Amino acid sequence: MANSNGPVIDMTPEGDFIEPPKPTLGAILLRLAMFGLFLCIAGVMFWVMFWAAIFVVPILVLLGLAGFMLTKLQGR
C-alpha cells in the first residue's frame, strides 16, 4: 500500500529548507588521518601475512613430503 502522506520534506516554520551541517576542516582532517591509519595497519598486516606464508609454506611442503614418504615406507 502506498504512503498517503507523501515524501518527508525538512523545512523550518518560516518555509526555508533545513540544510545538513557541513563538515569542518578538523573533521575532514580527522577522517583522512583515520583512513591513513587504517590503510597503514592493513599494509602491515598484509606484509606480515606475506612473510609468514613465505616461511611457512616450504615447511608445510617438507612435512607433507616426509609424511608421504613415511606412509610409503610403512606400506612395504
N, C-alpha and C. Protein backbone atom coordinates (compact mmCIF):
# COMPACT_ATOMS: atom_id res chain seq x y z
N MET A 1 0.84 -1.17 0.00
CA MET A 1 0.00 0.00 0.00
C MET A 1 0.89 1.23 0.00
N ALA A 2 0.56 2.22 -0.78
CA ALA A 2 1.38 3.42 -0.94
C ALA A 2 1.26 4.31 0.29
N ASN A 3 2.32 5.08 0.53
CA ASN A 3 2.33 6.03 1.63
C ASN A 3 1.45 7.22 1.27
N SER A 4 0.40 7.46 2.03
CA SER A 4 -0.54 8.53 1.70
C SER A 4 -0.04 9.90 2.13
N ASN A 5 0.99 9.95 2.98
CA ASN A 5 1.49 11.24 3.46
C ASN A 5 2.46 11.89 2.49
N GLY A 6 3.02 11.14 1.56
CA GLY A 6 3.98 11.69 0.61
C GLY A 6 5.38 11.73 1.21
N PRO A 7 6.31 12.31 0.47
CA PRO A 7 7.69 12.33 0.95
C PRO A 7 7.84 13.32 2.11
N VAL A 8 8.85 13.08 2.95
CA VAL A 8 9.13 13.97 4.07
C VAL A 8 10.07 15.05 3.59
N ILE A 9 9.66 16.32 3.78
CA ILE A 9 10.48 17.46 3.41
C ILE A 9 10.81 18.22 4.68
N ASP A 10 12.10 18.32 5.00
CA ASP A 10 12.51 19.02 6.22
C ASP A 10 12.54 20.52 5.93
N MET A 11 11.63 21.24 6.60
CA MET A 11 11.55 22.69 6.43
C MET A 11 11.38 23.33 7.79
N THR A 12 11.83 24.59 7.88
CA THR A 12 11.62 25.37 9.09
C THR A 12 10.20 25.93 9.08
N PRO A 13 9.72 26.42 10.22
CA PRO A 13 8.38 27.02 10.22
C PRO A 13 8.24 28.22 9.27
N GLU A 14 9.37 28.88 8.95
CA GLU A 14 9.32 30.01 8.02
C GLU A 14 9.24 29.57 6.57
N GLY A 15 9.46 28.29 6.30
CA GLY A 15 9.38 27.78 4.95
C GLY A 15 10.72 27.56 4.28
N ASP A 16 11.83 27.75 5.01
CA ASP A 16 13.16 27.51 4.45
C ASP A 16 13.53 26.04 4.63
N PHE A 17 14.32 25.52 3.70
CA PHE A 17 14.79 24.15 3.81
C PHE A 17 15.89 24.06 4.85
N ILE A 18 15.92 22.95 5.59
CA ILE A 18 16.98 22.70 6.55
C ILE A 18 18.14 22.08 5.81
N GLU A 19 19.30 22.74 5.88
CA GLU A 19 20.49 22.23 5.20
C GLU A 19 21.28 21.37 6.19
N PRO A 20 21.78 20.24 5.71
CA PRO A 20 22.60 19.42 6.61
C PRO A 20 23.87 20.17 6.99
N PRO A 21 24.41 19.94 8.19
CA PRO A 21 25.62 20.66 8.59
C PRO A 21 26.80 20.26 7.73
N LYS A 22 27.62 21.25 7.42
CA LYS A 22 28.81 20.99 6.60
C LYS A 22 29.95 20.59 7.52
N PRO A 23 30.76 19.61 7.12
CA PRO A 23 31.86 19.18 7.99
C PRO A 23 32.92 20.27 8.10
N THR A 24 33.50 20.36 9.27
CA THR A 24 34.56 21.35 9.48
C THR A 24 35.88 20.80 8.95
N LEU A 25 36.85 21.69 8.88
CA LEU A 25 38.17 21.27 8.39
C LEU A 25 38.78 20.23 9.35
N GLY A 26 38.55 20.41 10.64
CA GLY A 26 39.07 19.44 11.62
C GLY A 26 38.46 18.07 11.43
N ALA A 27 37.16 18.02 11.15
CA ALA A 27 36.51 16.72 10.93
C ALA A 27 37.03 16.05 9.67
N ILE A 28 37.26 16.84 8.64
CA ILE A 28 37.80 16.28 7.39
C ILE A 28 39.20 15.74 7.62
N LEU A 29 40.04 16.51 8.33
CA LEU A 29 41.41 16.05 8.61
C LEU A 29 41.41 14.81 9.50
N LEU A 30 40.51 14.76 10.46
CA LEU A 30 40.42 13.58 11.33
C LEU A 30 40.03 12.34 10.52
N ARG A 31 39.08 12.48 9.61
CA ARG A 31 38.67 11.35 8.77
C ARG A 31 39.82 10.90 7.87
N LEU A 32 40.56 11.86 7.30
CA LEU A 32 41.70 11.49 6.45
C LEU A 32 42.79 10.79 7.27
N ALA A 33 43.03 11.29 8.50
CA ALA A 33 44.04 10.66 9.35
C ALA A 33 43.63 9.24 9.72
N MET A 34 42.35 9.04 10.05
CA MET A 34 41.89 7.69 10.39
C MET A 34 41.97 6.77 9.18
N PHE A 35 41.62 7.26 8.00
CA PHE A 35 41.74 6.43 6.79
C PHE A 35 43.20 6.05 6.55
N GLY A 36 44.12 7.00 6.72
CA GLY A 36 45.54 6.70 6.55
C GLY A 36 46.04 5.69 7.56
N LEU A 37 45.57 5.82 8.82
CA LEU A 37 45.96 4.86 9.85
C LEU A 37 45.46 3.46 9.53
N PHE A 38 44.21 3.35 9.12
CA PHE A 38 43.67 2.04 8.76
C PHE A 38 44.39 1.46 7.55
N LEU A 39 44.76 2.30 6.61
CA LEU A 39 45.49 1.84 5.44
C LEU A 39 46.87 1.32 5.83
N CYS A 40 47.54 2.00 6.76
CA CYS A 40 48.85 1.55 7.23
C CYS A 40 48.73 0.22 7.98
N ILE A 41 47.71 0.10 8.82
CA ILE A 41 47.51 -1.15 9.56
C ILE A 41 47.26 -2.30 8.59
N ALA A 42 46.44 -2.06 7.57
CA ALA A 42 46.17 -3.11 6.58
C ALA A 42 47.44 -3.48 5.83
N GLY A 43 48.27 -2.50 5.51
CA GLY A 43 49.53 -2.78 4.81
C GLY A 43 50.48 -3.60 5.65
N VAL A 44 50.57 -3.26 6.94
CA VAL A 44 51.45 -4.02 7.83
C VAL A 44 50.94 -5.45 7.99
N MET A 45 49.62 -5.60 8.12
CA MET A 45 49.06 -6.95 8.25
C MET A 45 49.33 -7.77 6.99
N PHE A 46 49.19 -7.14 5.82
CA PHE A 46 49.49 -7.85 4.57
C PHE A 46 50.95 -8.25 4.53
N TRP A 47 51.84 -7.34 4.94
CA TRP A 47 53.28 -7.61 4.92
C TRP A 47 53.62 -8.78 5.84
N VAL A 48 53.02 -8.81 7.03
CA VAL A 48 53.28 -9.90 7.98
C VAL A 48 52.74 -11.22 7.42
N MET A 49 51.55 -11.20 6.85
CA MET A 49 50.98 -12.44 6.29
C MET A 49 51.82 -12.93 5.11
N PHE A 50 52.32 -12.01 4.29
CA PHE A 50 53.15 -12.39 3.15
C PHE A 50 54.41 -13.11 3.62
N TRP A 51 55.13 -12.51 4.58
CA TRP A 51 56.37 -13.14 5.04
C TRP A 51 56.11 -14.41 5.82
N ALA A 52 55.00 -14.48 6.54
CA ALA A 52 54.65 -15.72 7.23
C ALA A 52 54.41 -16.83 6.21
N ALA A 53 53.74 -16.51 5.11
CA ALA A 53 53.50 -17.51 4.07
C ALA A 53 54.81 -17.94 3.41
N ILE A 54 55.70 -16.98 3.20
CA ILE A 54 57.00 -17.30 2.57
C ILE A 54 57.77 -18.31 3.43
N PHE A 55 57.70 -18.17 4.75
CA PHE A 55 58.46 -19.06 5.62
C PHE A 55 57.70 -20.34 5.96
N VAL A 56 56.39 -20.30 6.02
CA VAL A 56 55.62 -21.45 6.47
C VAL A 56 55.35 -22.45 5.35
N VAL A 57 55.10 -21.98 4.15
CA VAL A 57 54.73 -22.88 3.04
C VAL A 57 55.83 -23.91 2.76
N PRO A 58 57.11 -23.54 2.66
CA PRO A 58 58.12 -24.58 2.43
C PRO A 58 58.19 -25.62 3.56
N ILE A 59 57.99 -25.17 4.80
CA ILE A 59 58.00 -26.12 5.92
C ILE A 59 56.83 -27.09 5.78
N LEU A 60 55.65 -26.59 5.42
CA LEU A 60 54.50 -27.46 5.24
C LEU A 60 54.70 -28.44 4.08
N VAL A 61 55.34 -27.98 3.02
CA VAL A 61 55.61 -28.87 1.89
C VAL A 61 56.57 -29.98 2.32
N LEU A 62 57.62 -29.62 3.06
CA LEU A 62 58.57 -30.64 3.53
C LEU A 62 57.91 -31.62 4.48
N LEU A 63 57.05 -31.13 5.38
CA LEU A 63 56.33 -32.05 6.28
C LEU A 63 55.39 -32.96 5.50
N GLY A 64 54.77 -32.43 4.46
CA GLY A 64 53.90 -33.27 3.64
C GLY A 64 54.67 -34.34 2.90
N LEU A 65 55.82 -33.97 2.36
CA LEU A 65 56.66 -34.96 1.69
C LEU A 65 57.17 -36.01 2.67
N ALA A 66 57.56 -35.59 3.88
CA ALA A 66 58.03 -36.55 4.87
C ALA A 66 56.91 -37.50 5.27
N GLY A 67 55.70 -36.97 5.44
CA GLY A 67 54.57 -37.84 5.77
C GLY A 67 54.25 -38.80 4.64
N PHE A 68 54.35 -38.34 3.40
CA PHE A 68 54.11 -39.20 2.25
C PHE A 68 55.15 -40.32 2.18
N MET A 69 56.40 -39.95 2.42
CA MET A 69 57.46 -40.97 2.36
C MET A 69 57.32 -41.98 3.51
N LEU A 70 56.93 -41.53 4.70
CA LEU A 70 56.72 -42.46 5.81
C LEU A 70 55.56 -43.39 5.52
N THR A 71 54.52 -42.86 4.89
CA THR A 71 53.38 -43.70 4.54
C THR A 71 53.78 -44.76 3.51
N LYS A 72 54.57 -44.39 2.52
CA LYS A 72 55.01 -45.33 1.52
C LYS A 72 55.95 -46.38 2.12
N LEU A 73 56.80 -45.96 3.06
CA LEU A 73 57.72 -46.92 3.67
C LEU A 73 56.99 -47.91 4.57
N GLN A 74 55.93 -47.49 5.23
CA GLN A 74 55.17 -48.39 6.07
C GLN A 74 54.35 -49.38 5.27
N GLY A 75 54.04 -49.05 4.05
CA GLY A 75 53.25 -49.93 3.20
C GLY A 75 54.03 -51.13 2.70
N ARG A 76 55.32 -51.14 2.77
CA ARG A 76 56.15 -52.25 2.26
C ARG A 76 56.12 -53.44 3.13
